[in-house]
Amino acid sequence: MNPPTINMKQILALITLLLLHVAVPDSALLVAAEKAGPTLLSTGESVDTFVNKMTKANTIMVFAKSYCPHCRQTKQLLERSYSNVQFKIVNLDQLSSPNDGFKIQTHLSKITGQWTVPNIFVHHQPVGGNSELQQLHASGRLRVLLKAGTTGRAGTGSSNGGDEL
């Protein structure tokens, strides 16, 4: 069997793509994508609007994945020690559109610098992941933050309940 033939036009196209990939940093590609307009979820809502709405509406907001052991530890801590605080957990892997979870996680990484889950917000402010939440709890600082109603910005207050993982 003969190997496939490649013409000069195809070779030049490949070289151009390789040079573009090396010459244009990923951050420039992200800026170009952002200039194209907001990233939309399958519902038509922008990712930014969704994240802001969720972090403002819930005293503690957790973006998680259902199979993540660190996310389960976060949920257990919140249910055990903070059942009187309004918290919500959104499992990015169980949203109606598989791409929505990826879009949200990508957006969260841009605003928090953290790609991993759980990605936790208290009073609309990012506090980190499970390790940081456990440390805040162990030191008593989480109760102080919750009682103060802010971690730097205005909070939503407390009520009861929490969503299932």
C-alpha atoms as a PDB file:
ATOM      1  CA  MET A   1       0.000   0.000   0.000  1.00  0.00           C
ATOM      2  CA  ASN A   2       1.294   3.463  -0.901  1.00  0.00           C
ATOM      3  CA  PRO A   3       1.455   6.212   1.724  1.00  0.00           C
ATOM      4  CA  PRO A   4      -0.860   9.196   1.178  1.00  0.00           C
ATOM      5  CA  THR A   5       0.635  12.026  -0.832  1.00  0.00           C
ATOM      6  CA  ILE A   6       0.769  15.569   0.481  1.00  0.00           C
ATOM      7  CA  ASN A   7       1.010  18.475  -1.900  1.00  0.00           C
ATOM      8  CA  MET A   8       2.937  21.677  -1.328  1.00  0.00           C
ATOM      9  CA  LYS A   9      -0.233  23.641  -0.532  1.00  0.00           C
ATOM     10  CA  GLN A  10      -1.056  21.270   2.353  1.00  0.00           C
ATOM     11  CA  ILE A  11       2.505  21.508   3.689  1.00  0.00           C
ATOM     12  CA  LEU A  12       2.383  25.307   3.658  1.00  0.00           C
ATOM     13  CA  ALA A  13      -0.984  25.259   5.426  1.00  0.00           C
ATOM     14  CA  LEU A  14       0.427  22.987   8.175  1.00  0.00           C
ATOM     15  CA  ILE A  15       3.506  25.186   8.603  1.00  0.00           C
ATOM     16  CA  THR A  16       1.314  28.277   8.860  1.00  0.00           C
ATOM     17  CA  LEU A  17      -0.849  26.657  11.534  1.00  0.00           C
ATOM     18  CA  LEU A  18       2.212  25.601  13.516  1.00  0.00           C
ATOM     19  CA  LEU A  19       3.726  29.077  13.301  1.00  0.00           C
ATOM     20  CA  LEU A  20       0.460  30.679  14.389  1.00  0.00           C
ATOM     21  CA  HIS A  21       0.216  28.316  17.335  1.00  0.00           C
ATOM     22  CA  VAL A  22       3.738  29.223  18.461  1.00  0.00           C
ATOM     23  CA  ALA A  23       3.475  32.954  17.697  1.00  0.00           C
ATOM     24  CA  VAL A  24       0.021  33.622  19.186  1.00  0.00           C
ATOM     25  CA  PRO A  25      -0.219  32.948  22.923  1.00  0.00           C
ATOM     26  CA  ASP A  26      -3.328  31.282  24.300  1.00  0.00           C
ATOM     27  CA  SER A  27      -4.183  34.437  26.250  1.00  0.00           C
ATOM     28  CA  ALA A  28      -4.468  36.343  22.962  1.00  0.00           C
ATOM     29  CA  LEU A  29      -6.845  33.695  21.669  1.00  0.00           C
ATOM     30  CA  LEU A  30      -8.946  34.071  24.831  1.00  0.00           C
ATOM     31  CA  VAL A  31      -9.053  37.849  24.387  1.00  0.00           C
ATOM     32  CA  ALA A  32     -10.144  37.373  20.786  1.00  0.00           C
ATOM     33  CA  ALA A  33     -12.860  34.950  21.874  1.00  0.00           C
ATOM     34  CA  GLU A  34     -14.088  37.391  24.550  1.00  0.00           C
ATOM     35  CA  LYS A  35     -14.265  40.191  21.990  1.00  0.00           C
ATOM     36  CA  ALA A  36     -16.564  37.972  19.937  1.00  0.00           C
ATOM     37  CA  GLY A  37     -19.169  38.329  22.684  1.00  0.00           C
ATOM     38  CA  PRO A  38     -20.206  36.685  25.944  1.00  0.00           C
ATOM     39  CA  THR A  39     -20.095  32.927  26.296  1.00  0.00           C
ATOM     40  CA  LEU A  40     -23.632  31.607  26.426  1.00  0.00           C
ATOM     41  CA  LEU A  41     -25.040  28.582  28.204  1.00  0.00           C
ATOM     42  CA  SER A  42     -27.512  26.261  26.477  1.00  0.00           C
ATOM     43  CA  THR A  43     -30.288  28.286  28.154  1.00  0.00           C
ATOM     44  CA  GLY A  44     -29.165  31.433  26.325  1.00  0.00           C
ATOM     45  CA  GLU A  45     -27.975  33.066  29.561  1.00  0.00           C
ATOM     46  CA  SER A  46     -24.397  34.327  29.650  1.00  0.00           C
ATOM     47  CA  VAL A  47     -21.991  32.353  31.823  1.00  0.00           C
ATOM     48  CA  ASP A  48     -20.987  35.537  33.648  1.00  0.00           C
ATOM     49  CA  THR A  49     -24.621  36.349  34.462  1.00  0.00           C
ATOM     50  CA  PHE A  50     -25.248  32.796  35.701  1.00  0.00           C
ATOM     51  CA  VAL A  51     -22.182  32.757  37.978  1.00  0.00           C
ATOM     52  CA  ASN A  52     -22.927  36.236  39.374  1.00  0.00           C
ATOM     53  CA  LYS A  53     -26.579  35.358  39.962  1.00  0.00           C
ATOM     54  CA  MET A  54     -25.705  32.130  41.784  1.00  0.00           C
ATOM     55  CA  THR A  55     -22.916  33.595  43.928  1.00  0.00           C
ATOM     56  CA  LYS A  56     -25.066  36.590  44.938  1.00  0.00           C
ATOM     57  CA  ALA A  57     -28.213  34.542  45.680  1.00  0.00           C
ATOM     58  CA  ASN A  58     -26.506  32.028  47.992  1.00  0.00           C
ATOM     59  CA  THR A  59     -24.542  32.762  51.134  1.00  0.00           C
ATOM     60  CA  ILE A  60     -22.260  29.845  50.262  1.00  0.00           C
ATOM     61  CA  MET A  61     -22.062  28.798  46.610  1.00  0.00           C
ATOM     62  CA  VAL A  62     -20.191  25.663  45.613  1.00  0.00           C
ATOM     63  CA  PHE A  63     -19.381  24.703  42.029  1.00  0.00           C
ATOM     64  CA  ALA A  64     -18.595  20.983  42.174  1.00  0.00           C
ATOM     65  CA  LYS A  65     -18.600  17.659  40.358  1.00  0.00           C
ATOM     66  CA  SER A  66     -20.635  14.703  41.599  1.00  0.00           C
ATOM     67  CA  TYR A  67     -17.741  12.224  41.556  1.00  0.00           C
ATOM     68  CA  CYS A  68     -15.225  14.474  43.328  1.00  0.00           C
ATOM     69  CA  PRO A  69     -14.240  13.324  46.851  1.00  0.00           C
ATOM     70  CA  HIS A  70     -13.200  16.859  47.854  1.00  0.00           C
ATOM     71  CA  CYS A  71     -16.634  18.127  46.794  1.00  0.00           C
ATOM     72  CA  ARG A  72     -18.268  15.446  48.959  1.00  0.00           C
ATOM     73  CA  GLN A  73     -16.141  16.559  51.928  1.00  0.00           C
ATOM     74  CA  THR A  74     -17.274  20.141  51.366  1.00  0.00           C
ATOM     75  CA  LYS A  75     -20.912  19.050  51.242  1.00  0.00           C
ATOM     76  CA  GLN A  76     -20.527  16.981  54.434  1.00  0.00           C
ATOM     77  CA  LEU A  77     -18.974  19.917  56.298  1.00  0.00           C
ATOM     78  CA  LEU A  78     -21.723  22.294  55.172  1.00  0.00           C
ATOM     79  CA  GLU A  79     -24.515  19.869  56.069  1.00  0.00           C
ATOM     80  CA  ARG A  80     -22.953  18.969  59.422  1.00  0.00           C
ATOM     81  CA  SER A  81     -21.835  22.377  60.656  1.00  0.00           C
ATOM     82  CA  TYR A  82     -23.674  24.989  58.598  1.00  0.00           C
ATOM     83  CA  SER A  83     -27.165  23.607  58.040  1.00  0.00           C
ATOM     84  CA  ASN A  84     -28.595  26.964  59.142  1.00  0.00           C
ATOM     85  CA  VAL A  85     -26.787  28.775  56.310  1.00  0.00           C
ATOM     86  CA  GLN A  86     -28.151  29.056  52.783  1.00  0.00           C
ATOM     87  CA  PHE A  87     -25.829  27.121  50.516  1.00  0.00           C
ATOM     88  CA  LYS A  88     -26.144  25.704  47.059  1.00  0.00           C
ATOM     89  CA  ILE A  89     -24.092  23.136  45.190  1.00  0.00           C
ATOM     90  CA  VAL A  90     -24.107  23.032  41.392  1.00  0.00           C
ATOM     91  CA  ASN A  91     -22.593  19.881  39.936  1.00  0.00           C
ATOM     92  CA  LEU A  92     -20.960  20.942  36.701  1.00  0.00           C
ATOM     93  CA  ASP A  93     -20.971  17.374  35.366  1.00  0.00           C
ATOM     94  CA  GLN A  94     -24.740  16.989  35.797  1.00  0.00           C
ATOM     95  CA  LEU A  95     -26.053  20.045  33.984  1.00  0.00           C
ATOM     96  CA  SER A  96     -28.510  19.532  31.128  1.00  0.00           C
ATOM     97  CA  SER A  97     -25.850  20.366  28.541  1.00  0.00           C
ATOM     98  CA  PRO A  98     -22.397  18.793  28.970  1.00  0.00           C
ATOM     99  CA  ASN A  99     -20.763  21.906  27.505  1.00  0.00           C
ATOM    100  CA  ASP A 100     -22.358  24.170  30.110  1.00  0.00           C
ATOM    101  CA  GLY A 101     -20.261  22.702  32.927  1.00  0.00           C
ATOM    102  CA  PHE A 102     -17.062  23.215  30.940  1.00  0.00           C
ATOM    103  CA  LYS A 103     -18.034  26.795  30.082  1.00  0.00           C
ATOM    104  CA  ILE A 104     -18.787  27.580  33.734  1.00  0.00           C
ATOM    105  CA  GLN A 105     -15.555  25.970  34.945  1.00  0.00           C
ATOM    106  CA  THR A 106     -13.561  27.902  32.343  1.00  0.00           C
ATOM    107  CA  HIS A 107     -15.212  31.158  33.435  1.00  0.00           C
ATOM    108  CA  LEU A 108     -14.566  30.378  37.103  1.00  0.00           C
ATOM    109  CA  SER A 109     -10.889  29.748  36.356  1.00  0.00           C
ATOM    110  CA  LYS A 110     -10.643  33.191  34.753  1.00  0.00           C
ATOM    111  CA  ILE A 111     -12.193  34.999  37.716  1.00  0.00           C
ATOM    112  CA  THR A 112     -10.684  32.952  40.567  1.00  0.00           C
ATOM    113  CA  GLY A 113      -7.456  31.589  39.085  1.00  0.00           C
ATOM    114  CA  GLN A 114      -8.577  28.128  40.187  1.00  0.00           C
ATOM    115  CA  TRP A 115      -9.433  25.358  37.713  1.00  0.00           C
ATOM    116  CA  THR A 116     -10.196  22.661  40.287  1.00  0.00           C
ATOM    117  CA  VAL A 117     -13.448  21.880  42.075  1.00  0.00           C
ATOM    118  CA  PRO A 118     -14.954  22.524  44.456  1.00  0.00           C
ATOM    119  CA  ASN A 119     -14.757  26.224  43.687  1.00  0.00           C
ATOM    120  CA  ILE A 120     -16.381  27.909  46.681  1.00  0.00           C
ATOM    121  CA  PHE A 121     -17.768  31.398  47.190  1.00  0.00           C
ATOM    122  CA  VAL A 122     -18.864  32.949  50.484  1.00  0.00           C
ATOM    123  CA  HIS A 123     -20.934  36.115  50.171  1.00  0.00           C
ATOM    124  CA  HIS A 124     -20.071  36.406  46.463  1.00  0.00           C
ATOM    125  CA  GLN A 125     -16.310  36.223  47.162  1.00  0.00           C
ATOM    126  CA  PRO A 126     -14.134  33.264  46.122  1.00  0.00           C
ATOM    127  CA  VAL A 127     -12.556  31.507  49.111  1.00  0.00           C
ATOM    128  CA  GLY A 128     -10.834  28.625  47.310  1.00  0.00           C
ATOM    129  CA  GLY A 129     -11.505  24.910  47.396  1.00  0.00           C
ATOM    130  CA  ASN A 130     -12.186  22.260  50.006  1.00  0.00           C
ATOM    131  CA  SER A 131      -8.813  22.650  51.765  1.00  0.00           C
ATOM    132  CA  GLU A 132      -9.344  26.372  52.208  1.00  0.00           C
ATOM    133  CA  LEU A 133     -12.921  25.867  53.408  1.00  0.00           C
ATOM    134  CA  GLN A 134     -11.800  23.229  55.932  1.00  0.00           C
ATOM    135  CA  GLN A 135      -9.069  25.598  57.187  1.00  0.00           C
ATOM    136  CA  LEU A 136     -11.533  28.482  57.499  1.00  0.00           C
ATOM    137  CA  HIS A 137     -13.863  26.194  59.462  1.00  0.00           C
ATOM    138  CA  ALA A 138     -11.141  24.793  61.749  1.00  0.00           C
ATOM    139  CA  SER A 139      -9.838  28.274  62.580  1.00  0.00           C
ATOM    140  CA  GLY A 140     -13.331  29.658  63.263  1.00  0.00           C
ATOM    141  CA  ARG A 141     -12.856  32.221  60.505  1.00  0.00           C
ATOM    142  CA  LEU A 142     -15.702  30.812  58.380  1.00  0.00           C
ATOM    143  CA  ARG A 143     -18.237  31.557  61.135  1.00  0.00           C
ATOM    144  CA  VAL A 144     -16.775  35.054  61.459  1.00  0.00           C
ATOM    145  CA  LEU A 145     -17.118  35.601  57.700  1.00  0.00           C
ATOM    146  CA  LEU A 146     -20.672  34.303  57.714  1.00  0.00           C
ATOM    147  CA  LYS A 147     -21.648  36.367  60.742  1.00  0.00           C
ATOM    148  CA  ALA A 148     -20.048  39.493  59.323  1.00  0.00           C
ATOM    149  CA  GLY A 149     -22.079  38.992  56.168  1.00  0.00           C
ATOM    150  CA  THR A 150     -19.174  39.812  53.921  1.00  0.00           C
ATOM    151  CA  THR A 151     -15.736  38.762  52.783  1.00  0.00           C
ATOM    152  CA  GLY A 152     -15.106  42.120  51.186  1.00  0.00           C
ATOM    153  CA  ARG A 153     -18.399  42.772  49.414  1.00  0.00           C
ATOM    154  CA  ALA A 154     -21.998  42.869  50.545  1.00  0.00           C
ATOM    155  CA  GLY A 155     -23.498  39.446  51.243  1.00  0.00           C
ATOM    156  CA  THR A 156     -26.953  37.978  50.944  1.00  0.00           C
ATOM    157  CA  GLY A 157     -27.540  36.945  54.550  1.00  0.00           C
ATOM    158  CA  SER A 158     -28.452  33.530  55.862  1.00  0.00           C
ATOM    159  CA  SER A 159     -31.402  31.219  55.641  1.00  0.00           C
ATOM    160  CA  ASN A 160     -31.769  27.481  55.683  1.00  0.00           C
ATOM    161  CA  GLY A 161     -31.126  24.586  53.368  1.00  0.00           C
ATOM    162  CA  GLY A 162     -28.740  23.337  50.766  1.00  0.00           C
ATOM    163  CA  ASP A 163     -28.966  21.451  47.537  1.00  0.00           C
ATOM    164  CA  GLU A 164     -27.975  17.853  47.044  1.00  0.00           C
ATOM    165  CA  LEU A 165     -24.697  16.953  45.448  1.00  0.00           C
END
